[in-house]
PDB file of N, CA and C in Angstrom:
ATOM      1  N   MET A   1      63.231-144.851-101.278  1.00  0.00           N
ATOM      2  CA  MET A   1      63.256-144.459-102.628  1.00  0.00           C
ATOM      3  C   MET A   1      61.849-143.970-103.065  1.00  0.00           C
ATOM      4  N   SER A   2      61.786-143.273-104.061  1.00  0.00           N
ATOM      5  CA  SER A   2      60.148-143.108-104.589  1.00  0.00           C
ATOM      6  C   SER A   2      60.053-143.928-105.681  1.00  0.00           C
ATOM      7  N   GLN A   3      58.821-143.944-106.085  1.00  0.00           N
ATOM      8  CA  GLN A   3      58.154-144.814-107.244  1.00  0.00           C
ATOM      9  C   GLN A   3      58.942-144.595-108.557  1.00  0.00           C
ATOM     10  N   ALA A   4      59.114-145.714-109.228  1.00  0.00           N
ATOM     11  CA  ALA A   4      59.769-145.781-110.594  1.00  0.00           C
ATOM     12  C   ALA A   4      59.038-144.743-111.429  1.00  0.00           C
ATOM     13  N   GLN A   5      60.042-144.032-112.379  1.00  0.00           N
ATOM     14  CA  GLN A   5      59.617-143.317-113.321  1.00  0.00           C
ATOM     15  C   GLN A   5      60.115-143.601-114.548  1.00  0.00           C
ATOM     16  N   ARG A   6      59.540-143.331-115.663  1.00  0.00           N
ATOM     17  CA  ARG A   6      60.003-143.658-117.149  1.00  0.00           C
ATOM     18  C   ARG A   6      60.457-142.257-117.526  1.00  0.00           C
ATOM     19  N   PHE A   7      61.735-142.082-118.077  1.00  0.00           N
ATOM     20  CA  PHE A   7      62.236-141.039-118.462  1.00  0.00           C
ATOM     21  C   PHE A   7      62.492-141.189-120.249  1.00  0.00           C
ATOM     22  N   PHE A   8      62.163-140.504-120.937  1.00  0.00           N
ATOM     23  CA  PHE A   8      62.317-140.473-122.430  1.00  0.00           C
ATOM     24  C   PHE A   8      63.350-139.323-122.599  1.00  0.00           C
ATOM     25  N   LEU A   9      64.227-139.603-123.345  1.00  0.00           N
ATOM     26  CA  LEU A   9      65.411-138.609-123.774  1.00  0.00           C
ATOM     27  C   LEU A   9      65.983-139.016-125.115  1.00  0.00           C
ATOM     28  N   SER A  10      66.616-137.803-125.653  1.00  0.00           N
ATOM     29  CA  SER A  10      67.663-138.321-126.906  1.00  0.00           C
ATOM     30  C   SER A  10      68.709-137.622-126.786  1.00  0.00           C
ATOM     31  N   ILE A  11      69.715-138.144-127.777  1.00  0.00           N
ATOM     32  CA  ILE A  11      71.043-137.558-127.817  1.00  0.00           C
ATOM     33  C   ILE A  11      71.279-137.475-129.372  1.00  0.00           C
ATOM     34  N   ASP A  12      71.600-136.299-129.971  1.00  0.00           N
ATOM     35  CA  ASP A  12      71.655-136.276-131.188  1.00  0.00           C
ATOM     36  C   ASP A  12      72.596-136.812-131.825  1.00  0.00           C
ATOM     37  N   ASP A  13      74.020-136.574-131.391  1.00  0.00           N
ATOM     38  CA  ASP A  13      75.002-137.380-131.965  1.00  0.00           C
ATOM     39  C   ASP A  13      75.667-138.188-130.731  1.00  0.00           C
ATOM     40  N   LEU A  14      75.346-139.431-130.486  1.00  0.00           N
ATOM     41  CA  LEU A  14      75.896-140.122-129.503  1.00  0.00           C
ATOM     42  C   LEU A  14      77.612-140.183-129.932  1.00  0.00           C
ATOM     43  N   SER A  15      78.089-140.481-130.999  1.00  0.00           N
ATOM     44  CA  SER A  15      79.475-140.675-131.082  1.00  0.00           C
ATOM     45  C   SER A  15      80.303-139.337-130.615  1.00  0.00           C
ATOM     46  N   ALA A  16      79.757-138.185-130.778  1.00  0.00           N
ATOM     47  CA  ALA A  16      80.217-136.867-130.372  1.00  0.00           C
ATOM     48  C   ALA A  16      79.838-136.509-128.744  1.00  0.00           C
ATOM     49  N   ALA A  17      79.043-137.057-128.246  1.00  0.00           N
ATOM     50  CA  ALA A  17      78.515-136.567-126.917  1.00  0.00           C
ATOM     51  C   ALA A  17      79.516-137.214-125.761  1.00  0.00           C
ATOM     52  N   ARG A  18      79.943-136.245-125.102  1.00  0.00           N
ATOM     53  CA  ARG A  18      81.108-136.458-124.159  1.00  0.00           C
ATOM     54  C   ARG A  18      80.716-135.510-123.128  1.00  0.00           C
ATOM     55  N   GLY A  19      81.299-135.950-121.786  1.00  0.00           N
ATOM     56  CA  GLY A  19      81.183-135.298-120.611  1.00  0.00           C
ATOM     57  C   GLY A  19      82.493-134.325-120.492  1.00  0.00           C
ATOM     58  N   GLU A  20      82.460-133.345-119.677  1.00  0.00           N
ATOM     59  CA  GLU A  20      83.447-132.419-119.523  1.00  0.00           C
ATOM     60  C   GLU A  20      84.899-132.892-119.135  1.00  0.00           C
ATOM     61  N   THR A  21      84.625-134.110-118.253  1.00  0.00           N
ATOM     62  CA  THR A  21      85.831-134.863-117.749  1.00  0.00           C
ATOM     63  C   THR A  21      86.114-136.038-118.235  1.00  0.00           C
ATOM     64  N   SER A  22      87.122-136.083-119.042  1.00  0.00           N
ATOM     65  CA  SER A  22      87.404-137.460-119.878  1.00  0.00           C
ATOM     66  C   SER A  22      87.286-138.696-118.996  1.00  0.00           C
ATOM     67  N   ASP A  23      87.952-138.483-117.848  1.00  0.00           N
ATOM     68  CA  ASP A  23      87.979-139.854-116.967  1.00  0.00           C
ATOM     69  C   ASP A  23      86.570-140.319-116.530  1.00  0.00           C
ATOM     70  N   LEU A  24      85.354-139.361-116.450  1.00  0.00           N
ATOM     71  CA  LEU A  24      84.169-140.025-116.361  1.00  0.00           C
ATOM     72  C   LEU A  24      83.242-139.977-117.299  1.00  0.00           C
ATOM     73  N   SER A  25      83.774-139.588-118.485  1.00  0.00           N
ATOM     74  CA  SER A  25      82.812-139.664-119.669  1.00  0.00           C
ATOM     75  C   SER A  25      82.617-140.745-120.410  1.00  0.00           C
ATOM     76  N   PHE A  26      81.405-140.765-121.105  1.00  0.00           N
ATOM     77  CA  PHE A  26      81.332-141.883-122.120  1.00  0.00           C
ATOM     78  C   PHE A  26      82.220-141.840-123.267  1.00  0.00           C
ATOM     79  N   HIS A  27      82.763-143.061-123.599  1.00  0.00           N
ATOM     80  CA  HIS A  27      83.542-142.880-124.770  1.00  0.00           C
ATOM     81  C   HIS A  27      83.285-143.876-125.887  1.00  0.00           C
ATOM     82  N   GLY A  28      82.005-144.556-125.844  1.00  0.00           N
ATOM     83  CA  GLY A  28      81.610-145.241-126.958  1.00  0.00           C
ATOM     84  C   GLY A  28      80.860-144.634-127.838  1.00  0.00           C
ATOM     85  N   SER A  29      80.136-145.301-128.847  1.00  0.00           N
ATOM     86  CA  SER A  29      79.544-144.548-129.881  1.00  0.00           C
ATOM     87  C   SER A  29      78.232-145.549-130.285  1.00  0.00           C
ATOM     88  N   SER A  30      77.961-146.493-129.491  1.00  0.00           N
ATOM     89  CA  SER A  30      76.671-147.299-129.887  1.00  0.00           C
ATOM     90  C   SER A  30      75.653-146.998-128.949  1.00  0.00           C
ATOM     91  N   PRO A  31      74.323-147.245-129.473  1.00  0.00           N
ATOM     92  CA  PRO A  31      73.224-147.106-128.392  1.00  0.00           C
ATOM     93  C   PRO A  31      73.476-148.295-127.270  1.00  0.00           C
ATOM     94  N   ASP A  32      73.825-149.389-127.501  1.00  0.00           N
ATOM     95  CA  ASP A  32      74.112-150.387-126.627  1.00  0.00           C
ATOM     96  C   ASP A  32      75.076-150.210-125.433  1.00  0.00           C
ATOM     97  N   SER A  33      76.404-149.794-126.136  1.00  0.00           N
ATOM     98  CA  SER A  33      77.229-149.147-125.212  1.00  0.00           C
ATOM     99  C   SER A  33      76.907-148.237-124.327  1.00  0.00           C
ATOM    100  N   PHE A  34      76.293-147.209-124.866  1.00  0.00           N
ATOM    101  CA  PHE A  34      75.705-145.949-123.928  1.00  0.00           C
ATOM    102  C   PHE A  34      74.555-146.577-122.841  1.00  0.00           C
ATOM    103  N   ALA A  35      73.595-147.489-123.101  1.00  0.00           N
ATOM    104  CA  ALA A  35      72.836-148.063-122.399  1.00  0.00           C
ATOM    105  C   ALA A  35      73.416-148.836-121.205  1.00  0.00           C
ATOM    106  N   ALA A  36      74.549-149.480-121.444  1.00  0.00           N
ATOM    107  CA  ALA A  36      75.222-150.160-120.488  1.00  0.00           C
ATOM    108  C   ALA A  36      75.834-149.418-119.583  1.00  0.00           C
ATOM    109  N   ALA A  37      76.503-148.042-120.177  1.00  0.00           N
ATOM    110  CA  ALA A  37      77.375-147.239-119.248  1.00  0.00           C
ATOM    111  C   ALA A  37      76.434-146.417-118.376  1.00  0.00           C
ATOM    112  N   LEU A  38      75.221-146.081-118.873  1.00  0.00           N
ATOM    113  CA  LEU A  38      74.203-145.289-117.981  1.00  0.00           C
ATOM    114  C   LEU A  38      73.603-146.360-116.977  1.00  0.00           C
ATOM    115  N   THR A  39      73.211-147.591-117.463  1.00  0.00           N
ATOM    116  CA  THR A  39      72.672-148.583-116.501  1.00  0.00           C
ATOM    117  C   THR A  39      73.524-148.714-115.397  1.00  0.00           C
ATOM    118  N   GLU A  40      74.998-148.865-115.537  1.00  0.00           N
ATOM    119  CA  GLU A  40      75.855-149.133-114.372  1.00  0.00           C
ATOM    120  C   GLU A  40      75.943-147.871-113.630  1.00  0.00           C
ATOM    121  N   ALA A  41      75.982-146.620-114.247  1.00  0.00           N
ATOM    122  CA  ALA A  41      76.088-145.391-113.343  1.00  0.00           C
ATOM    123  C   ALA A  41      74.939-145.153-112.521  1.00  0.00           C
ATOM    124  N   LEU A  42      73.775-145.858-112.763  1.00  0.00           N
ATOM    125  CA  LEU A  42      72.475-145.635-112.054  1.00  0.00           C
ATOM    126  C   LEU A  42      72.410-146.914-110.998  1.00  0.00           C
ATOM    127  N   ARG A  43      73.030-148.058-111.504  1.00  0.00           N
ATOM    128  CA  ARG A  43      72.792-148.999-110.517  1.00  0.00           C
ATOM    129  C   ARG A  43      73.816-149.064-109.454  1.00  0.00           C
ATOM    130  N   GLU A  44      74.971-148.736-109.915  1.00  0.00           N
ATOM    131  CA  GLU A  44      76.257-148.571-108.978  1.00  0.00           C
ATOM    132  C   GLU A  44      76.795-147.084-108.633  1.00  0.00           C
ATOM    133  N   PRO A  45      77.149-146.846-107.616  1.00  0.00           N
ATOM    134  CA  PRO A  45      77.646-145.338-107.045  1.00  0.00           C
ATOM    135  C   PRO A  45      79.007-145.336-107.623  1.00  0.00           C
ATOM    136  N   THR A  46      79.594-146.211-108.430  1.00  0.00           N
ATOM    137  CA  THR A  46      80.982-145.947-108.812  1.00  0.00           C
ATOM    138  C   THR A  46      81.506-144.682-109.349  1.00  0.00           C
ATOM    139  N   LEU A  47      80.605-144.403-110.364  1.00  0.00           N
ATOM    140  CA  LEU A  47      80.933-143.046-111.303  1.00  0.00           C
ATOM    141  C   LEU A  47      80.679-141.954-110.154  1.00  0.00           C
ATOM    142  N   TRP A  48      79.642-141.821-109.456  1.00  0.00           N
ATOM    143  CA  TRP A  48      79.463-140.742-108.689  1.00  0.00           C
ATOM    144  C   TRP A  48      80.754-140.585-107.587  1.00  0.00           C
ATOM    145  N   LYS A  49      81.100-141.738-106.966  1.00  0.00           N
ATOM    146  CA  LYS A  49      82.311-141.623-106.051  1.00  0.00           C
ATOM    147  C   LYS A  49      83.602-141.249-106.544  1.00  0.00           C
ATOM    148  N   ARG A  50      83.711-141.689-108.080  1.00  0.00           N
ATOM    149  CA  ARG A  50      84.781-141.132-108.871  1.00  0.00           C
ATOM    150  C   ARG A  50      84.829-139.702-108.952  1.00  0.00           C
ATOM    151  N   TRP A  51      83.538-139.114-109.316  1.00  0.00           N
ATOM    152  CA  TRP A  51      83.602-137.690-109.410  1.00  0.00           C
ATOM    153  C   TRP A  51      83.468-137.069-108.009  1.00  0.00           C
ATOM    154  N   GLN A  52      82.964-137.537-106.881  1.00  0.00           N
ATOM    155  CA  GLN A  52      83.179-136.924-105.484  1.00  0.00           C
ATOM    156  C   GLN A  52      84.504-136.749-105.346  1.00  0.00           C
ATOM    157  N   ASN A  53      85.436-137.782-105.527  1.00  0.00           N
ATOM    158  CA  ASN A  53      86.812-137.914-105.227  1.00  0.00           C
ATOM    159  C   ASN A  53      87.674-136.762-105.841  1.00  0.00           C
ATOM    160  N   MET A  54      87.058-136.318-107.008  1.00  0.00           N
ATOM    161  CA  MET A  54      87.581-135.338-107.822  1.00  0.00           C
ATOM    162  C   MET A  54      87.272-133.633-107.252  1.00  0.00           C
ATOM    163  N   GLN A  55      86.544-133.553-106.224  1.00  0.00           N
ATOM    164  CA  GLN A  55      86.136-132.552-105.875  1.00  0.00           C
ATOM    165  C   GLN A  55      87.256-131.945-104.841  1.00  0.00           C
ATOM    166  N   ASP A  56      87.043-130.579-104.617  1.00  0.00           N
ATOM    167  CA  ASP A  56      87.977-129.963-103.863  1.00  0.00           C
ATOM    168  C   ASP A  56      87.733-130.545-102.262  1.00  0.00           C
ATOM    169  N   ASP A  57      86.526-130.597-101.935  1.00  0.00           N
ATOM    170  CA  ASP A  57      86.220-131.154-100.716  1.00  0.00           C
ATOM    171  C   ASP A  57      85.177-132.185-100.733  1.00  0.00           C
ATOM    172  N   PRO A  58      85.667-133.455-101.005  1.00  0.00           N
ATOM    173  CA  PRO A  58      84.758-134.571-101.277  1.00  0.00           C
ATOM    174  C   PRO A  58      83.868-134.700-100.237  1.00  0.00           C
ATOM    175  N   ASP A  59      83.962-134.432 -99.024  1.00  0.00           N
ATOM    176  CA  ASP A  59      83.173-134.688 -97.823  1.00  0.00           C
ATOM    177  C   ASP A  59      82.041-133.662 -97.859  1.00  0.00           C
ATOM    178  N   ASP A  60      82.243-132.536 -98.391  1.00  0.00           N
ATOM    179  CA  ASP A  60      81.327-131.439 -98.519  1.00  0.00           C
ATOM    180  C   ASP A  60      80.108-131.476 -99.747  1.00  0.00           C
ATOM    181  N   VAL A  61      80.204-132.584-100.717  1.00  0.00           N
ATOM    182  CA  VAL A  61      79.170-132.827-101.674  1.00  0.00           C
ATOM    183  C   VAL A  61      78.028-133.345-100.974  1.00  0.00           C
ATOM    184  N   ASP A  62      76.859-133.181-101.613  1.00  0.00           N
ATOM    185  CA  ASP A  62      75.716-133.546-101.265  1.00  0.00           C
ATOM    186  C   ASP A  62      75.632-135.389-101.278  1.00  0.00           C
ATOM    187  N   HIS A  63      75.473-135.969-100.507  1.00  0.00           N
ATOM    188  CA  HIS A  63      75.695-137.572-100.364  1.00  0.00           C
ATOM    189  C   HIS A  63      74.441-138.082-101.023  1.00  0.00           C
ATOM    190  N   ALA A  64      73.141-137.361-100.776  1.00  0.00           N
ATOM    191  CA  ALA A  64      72.131-137.906-101.492  1.00  0.00           C
ATOM    192  C   ALA A  64      72.306-137.954-102.979  1.00  0.00           C
ATOM    193  N   MET A  65      73.227-137.176-103.703  1.00  0.00           N
ATOM    194  CA  MET A  65      73.452-137.406-105.069  1.00  0.00           C
ATOM    195  C   MET A  65      74.093-138.821-105.402  1.00  0.00           C
ATOM    196  N   GLY A  66      74.477-139.530-104.390  1.00  0.00           N
ATOM    197  CA  GLY A  66      75.124-140.665-104.632  1.00  0.00           C
ATOM    198  C   GLY A  66      74.453-141.886-104.562  1.00  0.00           C
ATOM    199  N   ALA A  67      73.269-141.658-104.577  1.00  0.00           N
ATOM    200  CA  ALA A  67      72.105-142.800-104.350  1.00  0.00           C
ATOM    201  C   ALA A  67      72.391-143.616-105.747  1.00  0.00           C
ATOM    202  N   SER A  68      71.904-144.914-105.687  1.00  0.00           N
ATOM    203  CA  SER A  68      71.860-145.775-106.574  1.00  0.00           C
ATOM    204  C   SER A  68      70.646-146.565-106.575  1.00  0.00           C
ATOM    205  N   ASP A  69      70.097-147.203-107.747  1.00  0.00           N
ATOM    206  CA  ASP A  69      69.033-148.017-108.034  1.00  0.00           C
ATOM    207  C   ASP A  69      69.448-149.311-108.620  1.00  0.00           C
ATOM    208  N   PRO A  70      69.471-150.299-107.850  1.00  0.00           N
ATOM    209  CA  PRO A  70      69.897-151.547-108.392  1.00  0.00           C
ATOM    210  C   PRO A  70      68.942-152.170-109.589  1.00  0.00           C
ATOM    211  N   ASP A  71      67.625-151.685-109.651  1.00  0.00           N
ATOM    212  CA  ASP A  71      66.743-152.095-110.616  1.00  0.00           C
ATOM    213  C   ASP A  71      66.707-151.195-111.753  1.00  0.00           C
ATOM    214  N   ALA A  72      67.442-150.205-111.924  1.00  0.00           N
ATOM    215  CA  ALA A  72      67.364-149.192-113.043  1.00  0.00           C
ATOM    216  C   ALA A  72      67.630-149.948-114.385  1.00  0.00           C
ATOM    217  N   THR A  73      66.857-149.602-115.225  1.00  0.00           N
ATOM    218  CA  THR A  73      67.059-150.063-116.639  1.00  0.00           C
ATOM    219  C   THR A  73      67.152-149.067-117.729  1.00  0.00           C
ATOM    220  N   VAL A  74      67.959-149.191-118.747  1.00  0.00           N
ATOM    221  CA  VAL A  74      68.296-148.250-119.757  1.00  0.00           C
ATOM    222  C   VAL A  74      68.077-149.035-121.174  1.00  0.00           C
ATOM    223  N   GLU A  75      67.331-148.764-121.896  1.00  0.00           N
ATOM    224  CA  GLU A  75      67.209-149.024-123.313  1.00  0.00           C
ATOM    225  C   GLU A  75      67.530-147.848-124.421  1.00  0.00           C
ATOM    226  N   ALA A  76      68.490-148.086-125.215  1.00  0.00           N
ATOM    227  CA  ALA A  76      68.755-147.188-126.155  1.00  0.00           C
ATOM    228  C   ALA A  76      68.778-147.579-127.547  1.00  0.00           C
ATOM    229  N   GLU A  77      68.453-146.700-128.564  1.00  0.00           N
ATOM    230  CA  GLU A  77      68.216-147.064-130.002  1.00  0.00           C
ATOM    231  C   GLU A  77      68.586-145.960-130.913  1.00  0.00           C
ATOM    232  N   LEU A  78      68.911-146.275-132.031  1.00  0.00           N
ATOM    233  CA  LEU A  78      69.309-145.258-133.158  1.00  0.00           C
ATOM    234  C   LEU A  78      68.163-145.261-133.834  1.00  0.00           C
ATOM    235  N   GLN A  79      67.791-143.939-134.131  1.00  0.00           N
ATOM    236  CA  GLN A  79      66.426-143.517-135.144  1.00  0.00           C
ATOM    237  C   GLN A  79      66.895-142.345-136.003  1.00  0.00           C
ATOM    238  N   GLY A  80      67.518-142.941-136.928  1.00  0.00           N
ATOM    239  CA  GLY A  80      68.175-141.665-137.820  1.00  0.00           C
ATOM    240  C   GLY A  80      69.613-141.626-137.238  1.00  0.00           C
ATOM    241  N   SER A  81      70.038-140.317-137.203  1.00  0.00           N
ATOM    242  CA  SER A  81      71.230-140.081-136.462  1.00  0.00           C
ATOM    243  C   SER A  81      70.799-139.808-134.912  1.00  0.00           C
ATOM    244  N   ARG A  82      69.805-139.938-134.499  1.00  0.00           N
ATOM    245  CA  ARG A  82      69.515-139.462-132.920  1.00  0.00           C
ATOM    246  C   ARG A  82      69.517-140.800-132.294  1.00  0.00           C
ATOM    247  N   CYS A  83      69.922-140.665-131.016  1.00  0.00           N
ATOM    248  CA  CYS A  83      69.907-141.912-130.172  1.00  0.00           C
ATOM    249  C   CYS A  83      68.563-141.648-129.119  1.00  0.00           C
ATOM    250  N   ARG A  84      67.590-142.467-129.050  1.00  0.00           N
ATOM    251  CA  ARG A  84      66.593-142.229-128.315  1.00  0.00           C
ATOM    252  C   ARG A  84      66.769-143.426-127.190  1.00  0.00           C
ATOM    253  N   VAL A  85      66.605-142.799-126.062  1.00  0.00           N
ATOM    254  CA  VAL A  85      66.916-143.398-124.792  1.00  0.00           C
ATOM    255  C   VAL A  85      65.798-143.680-123.736  1.00  0.00           C
ATOM    256  N   ARG A  86      65.237-144.809-123.187  1.00  0.00           N
ATOM    257  CA  ARG A  86      64.358-144.912-122.282  1.00  0.00           C
ATOM    258  C   ARG A  86      64.955-145.386-121.041  1.00  0.00           C
ATOM    259  N   VAL A  87      64.735-144.582-119.945  1.00  0.00           N
ATOM    260  CA  VAL A  87      65.288-145.046-118.582  1.00  0.00           C
ATOM    261  C   VAL A  87      64.211-145.096-117.499  1.00  0.00           C
ATOM    262  N   VAL A  88      64.061-146.356-116.887  1.00  0.00           N
ATOM    263  CA  VAL A  88      63.255-146.626-115.768  1.00  0.00           C
ATOM    264  C   VAL A  88      64.095-146.747-114.508  1.00  0.00           C
ATOM    265  N   THR A  89      63.769-145.829-113.601  1.00  0.00           N
ATOM    266  CA  THR A  89      64.539-145.827-112.270  1.00  0.00           C
ATOM    267  C   THR A  89      63.662-145.099-111.262  1.00  0.00           C
ATOM    268  N   SER A  90      63.861-145.417-109.873  1.00  0.00           N
ATOM    269  CA  SER A  90      63.496-144.890-108.820  1.00  0.00           C
ATOM    270  C   SER A  90      64.176-143.571-108.475  1.00  0.00           C
ATOM    271  N   LEU A  91      65.330-143.115-109.080  1.00  0.00           N
ATOM    272  CA  LEU A  91      66.006-142.253-108.747  1.00  0.00           C
ATOM    273  C   LEU A  91      65.245-140.903-108.931  1.00  0.00           C
ATOM    274  N   PRO A  92      65.647-140.050-108.082  1.00  0.00           N
ATOM    275  CA  PRO A  92      65.122-138.491-108.584  1.00  0.00           C
ATOM    276  C   PRO A  92      65.582-138.152-109.887  1.00  0.00           C
ATOM    277  N   HIS A  93      64.935-137.184-110.570  1.00  0.00           N
ATOM    278  CA  HIS A  93      65.618-136.712-111.884  1.00  0.00           C
ATOM    279  C   HIS A  93      66.759-135.876-111.565  1.00  0.00           C
ATOM    280  N   SER A  94      67.045-135.323-110.596  1.00  0.00           N
ATOM    281  CA  SER A  94      68.510-134.496-110.131  1.00  0.00           C
ATOM    282  C   SER A  94      69.602-135.594-110.252  1.00  0.00           C
ATOM    283  N   VAL A  95      69.328-136.678-109.761  1.00  0.00           N
ATOM    284  CA  VAL A  95      70.539-137.672-109.781  1.00  0.00           C
ATOM    285  C   VAL A  95      70.741-138.316-111.265  1.00  0.00           C
ATOM    286  N   LEU A  96      69.310-138.632-111.951  1.00  0.00           N
ATOM    287  CA  LEU A  96      69.927-138.936-113.345  1.00  0.00           C
ATOM    288  C   LEU A  96      70.425-137.980-114.234  1.00  0.00           C
ATOM    289  N   LYS A  97      70.203-136.595-114.081  1.00  0.00           N
ATOM    290  CA  LYS A  97      70.549-135.527-114.610  1.00  0.00           C
ATOM    291  C   LYS A  97      72.169-135.531-114.624  1.00  0.00           C
ATOM    292  N   HIS A  98      72.487-135.584-113.180  1.00  0.00           N
ATOM    293  CA  HIS A  98      74.008-135.596-112.899  1.00  0.00           C
ATOM    294  C   HIS A  98      74.890-136.634-113.465  1.00  0.00           C
ATOM    295  N   ARG A  99      74.216-137.835-113.504  1.00  0.00           N
ATOM    296  CA  ARG A  99      74.834-138.961-114.026  1.00  0.00           C
ATOM    297  C   ARG A  99      74.971-138.735-115.738  1.00  0.00           C
ATOM    298  N   LEU A 100      73.928-138.182-116.362  1.00  0.00           N
ATOM    299  CA  LEU A 100      73.821-138.014-117.717  1.00  0.00           C
ATOM    300  C   LEU A 100      74.875-137.017-117.851  1.00  0.00           C
ATOM    301  N   THR A 101      74.994-136.081-117.238  1.00  0.00           N
ATOM    302  CA  THR A 101      75.952-134.923-117.427  1.00  0.00           C
ATOM    303  C   THR A 101      77.361-135.364-117.527  1.00  0.00           C
ATOM    304  N   LEU A 102      77.582-136.193-116.414  1.00  0.00           N
ATOM    305  CA  LEU A 102      79.039-136.691-116.329  1.00  0.00           C
ATOM    306  C   LEU A 102      79.353-137.401-117.471  1.00  0.00           C
ATOM    307  N   LEU A 103      78.383-138.247-118.060  1.00  0.00           N
ATOM    308  CA  LEU A 103      78.717-139.081-119.130  1.00  0.00           C
ATOM    309  C   LEU A 103      78.617-138.390-120.266  1.00  0.00           C
ATOM    310  N   VAL A 104      77.748-137.729-120.697  1.00  0.00           N
ATOM    311  CA  VAL A 104      77.579-137.071-122.190  1.00  0.00           C
ATOM    312  C   VAL A 104      77.582-135.385-121.861  1.00  0.00           C
ATOM    313  N   GLY A 105      77.781-134.929-120.977  1.00  0.00           N
ATOM    314  CA  GLY A 105      77.576-133.539-121.037  1.00  0.00           C
ATOM    315  C   GLY A 105      76.391-132.983-121.060  1.00  0.00           C
ATOM    316  N   HIS A 106      76.183-131.925-121.818  1.00  0.00           N
ATOM    317  CA  HIS A 106      74.664-131.288-122.118  1.00  0.00           C
ATOM    318  C   HIS A 106      74.217-131.602-123.345  1.00  0.00           C
ATOM    319  N   HIS A 107      74.730-132.682-123.904  1.00  0.00           N
ATOM    320  CA  HIS A 107      74.267-133.239-125.305  1.00  0.00           C
ATOM    321  C   HIS A 107      73.085-134.090-125.295  1.00  0.00           C
ATOM    322  N   TRP A 108      72.288-133.979-124.151  1.00  0.00           N
ATOM    323  CA  TRP A 108      70.967-134.858-124.204  1.00  0.00           C
ATOM    324  C   TRP A 108      69.801-133.867-123.886  1.00  0.00           C
ATOM    325  N   LYS A 109      68.669-134.440-124.386  1.00  0.00           N
ATOM    326  CA  LYS A 109      67.335-133.534-124.089  1.00  0.00           C
ATOM    327  C   LYS A 109      66.270-134.271-123.754  1.00  0.00           C
ATOM    328  N   LEU A 110      65.595-133.982-122.401  1.00  0.00           N
ATOM    329  CA  LEU A 110      64.688-134.872-121.838  1.00  0.00           C
ATOM    330  C   LEU A 110      63.315-134.361-122.595  1.00  0.00           C
ATOM    331  N   HIS A 111      62.521-135.457-122.974  1.00  0.00           N
ATOM    332  CA  HIS A 111      61.224-135.194-123.715  1.00  0.00           C
ATOM    333  C   HIS A 111      60.148-135.531-122.978  1.00  0.00           C
ATOM    334  N   ASP A 112      60.011-136.677-122.130  1.00  0.00           N
ATOM    335  CA  ASP A 112      59.065-136.741-121.259  1.00  0.00           C
ATOM    336  C   ASP A 112      59.396-137.702-120.195  1.00  0.00           C
ATOM    337  N   VAL A 113      58.285-137.629-119.016  1.00  0.00           N
ATOM    338  CA  VAL A 113      58.560-138.377-117.833  1.00  0.00           C
ATOM    339  C   VAL A 113      57.013-138.949-117.558  1.00  0.00           C
ATOM    340  N   SER A 114      57.111-140.212-116.965  1.00  0.00           N
ATOM    341  CA  SER A 114      55.878-140.830-116.814  1.00  0.00           C
ATOM    342  C   SER A 114      55.926-141.866-115.670  1.00  0.00           C
ATOM    343  N   ASN A 115      54.984-142.027-114.683  1.00  0.00           N
ATOM    344  CA  ASN A 115      55.045-143.002-113.709  1.00  0.00           C
ATOM    345  C   ASN A 115      55.011-144.384-114.256  1.00  0.00           C
ATOM    346  N   VAL A 116      55.729-145.289-113.938  1.00  0.00           N
ATOM    347  CA  VAL A 116      55.563-146.719-114.317  1.00  0.00           C
ATOM    348  C   VAL A 116      54.410-147.402-113.792  1.00  0.00           C
TER     349      VAL A 116
END
């Protein structure tokens, strides 16, 4: 794995932010529940495996996307109506992006990335 990076992102309306597949999507409304869901999705490959098994040819998907980071951390807080999220992980941006999209669709926006 690579060096850990800090990702800063936001979600405008967390209570409406959902992924395209209900079985994989985030269903909460609080920043704490979102932080817990994303932390689990980054630390454990469970969400990715569920997604993989839903594909037409599960063995044909890029297995590198199933990587996990047991040390990943996620903090989320409301600022007005927007949820601000800070993620620290050694996973590549592509894996973080995929997990976020499974959980909340395209309802998130990346603001900054920095080395830890």
